[in-house]
């Protein structure tokens, strides 16, 4: 079978192929696309809000704790060995 061309051009055939491809892409997009379903939700019941914090023991700043000083020395020693 041979292609019939007008003035030696296949412009009409190419145009028909491009339109067919565009229609196929548009139909696929419409069929598969669309809005995503809404996420599942649940009812929430509000309770009372507490504005106080309780703790036991003595509080001290992290810089005042002896373990932080020891940790800093260990880290410094490890870094010194690696370099």
Protein backbone atom coordinates (compact mmCIF):
# COMPACT_ATOMS: atom_id res chain seq x y z
CA UNK A 1 0.00 0.00 0.00
CA UNK A 2 1.38 3.42 -0.85
CA UNK A 3 0.81 6.76 0.78
CA UNK A 4 -0.98 9.35 -1.25
CA UNK A 5 0.80 12.66 -0.92
CA UNK A 6 -0.10 16.08 -2.10
CA UNK A 7 2.80 17.83 -3.83
CA UNK A 8 5.27 15.28 -2.45
CA UNK A 9 4.49 16.15 1.18
CA UNK A 10 3.31 13.94 4.03
CA UNK A 11 2.15 16.90 6.08
CA UNK A 12 -1.48 15.69 6.23
CA UNK A 13 -0.45 12.26 7.43
CA UNK A 14 1.80 13.76 10.09
CA UNK A 15 -0.95 16.13 11.21
CA UNK A 16 -3.44 13.28 11.52
CA UNK A 17 -0.92 11.26 13.54
CA UNK A 18 -0.24 14.22 15.84
CA UNK A 19 -3.96 14.84 16.40
CA UNK A 20 -4.57 11.15 17.10
CA UNK A 21 -1.71 11.07 19.61
CA UNK A 22 -2.98 14.23 21.33
CA UNK A 23 -6.50 12.78 21.59
CA UNK A 24 -5.14 9.51 23.02
CA UNK A 25 -3.09 11.37 25.64
CA UNK A 26 -6.04 13.61 26.55
CA UNK A 27 -8.41 10.63 26.90
CA UNK A 28 -5.91 8.75 29.07
CA UNK A 29 -5.36 11.79 31.28
CA UNK A 30 -9.09 12.30 31.80
CA UNK A 31 -9.72 8.59 32.47
CA UNK A 32 -6.82 8.10 34.89
CA UNK A 33 -6.57 11.57 36.38
CA UNK A 34 -8.94 13.50 38.49
CA UNK A 35 -8.92 14.70 42.05
CA UNK A 36 -7.43 12.49 44.71
CA UNK A 37 -9.88 11.07 47.23
CA UNK A 38 -10.15 12.92 50.50
CA UNK A 39 -7.97 11.55 53.31
CA UNK A 40 -9.79 9.68 56.07
CA UNK A 41 -10.71 11.82 59.04
CA UNK A 42 -11.82 11.12 62.59
CA UNK A 43 -13.72 13.12 65.18
CA UNK A 44 -11.60 14.58 67.95
CA UNK A 45 -12.93 15.40 71.38
CA UNK A 46 -11.24 18.21 73.23
CA UNK A 47 -10.17 17.68 76.80
CA UNK A 48 -8.84 19.92 79.51
CA UNK A 49 -5.45 21.57 79.11
CA UNK A 50 -2.95 21.51 81.95
CA UNK A 51 -0.61 24.45 82.40
CA UNK A 52 1.66 23.05 85.08
CA UNK A 53 4.65 20.77 85.05
CA UNK A 54 5.84 18.65 87.91
CA UNK A 55 9.21 16.98 88.46
CA UNK A 56 11.02 15.31 91.28
CA UNK A 57 14.64 15.75 92.30
CA UNK A 58 16.95 18.72 92.06
CA UNK A 59 17.29 20.75 88.90
CA UNK A 60 20.66 21.95 87.64
CA UNK A 61 21.91 23.56 84.46
CA UNK A 62 23.51 21.16 81.98
CA UNK A 63 26.79 23.07 82.19
CA UNK A 64 26.93 22.42 85.96
CA UNK A 65 26.69 18.65 85.65
CA UNK A 66 30.00 16.78 85.96
CA UNK A 67 29.07 14.23 83.30
CA UNK A 68 29.06 16.92 80.63
CA UNK A 69 32.57 17.96 81.52
CA UNK A 70 33.77 14.37 81.39
CA UNK A 71 32.04 13.80 78.07
CA UNK A 72 33.66 16.90 76.60
CA UNK A 73 37.09 15.63 77.64
CA UNK A 74 36.44 12.21 76.10
CA UNK A 75 35.27 13.73 72.83
CA UNK A 76 38.32 16.00 72.74
CA UNK A 77 40.61 13.00 73.31
CA UNK A 78 38.95 11.00 70.51
CA UNK A 79 39.23 13.92 68.09
CA UNK A 80 42.88 14.40 69.06
CA UNK A 81 43.64 10.72 68.31
CA UNK A 82 41.90 10.88 64.95
CA UNK A 83 43.87 13.90 63.75
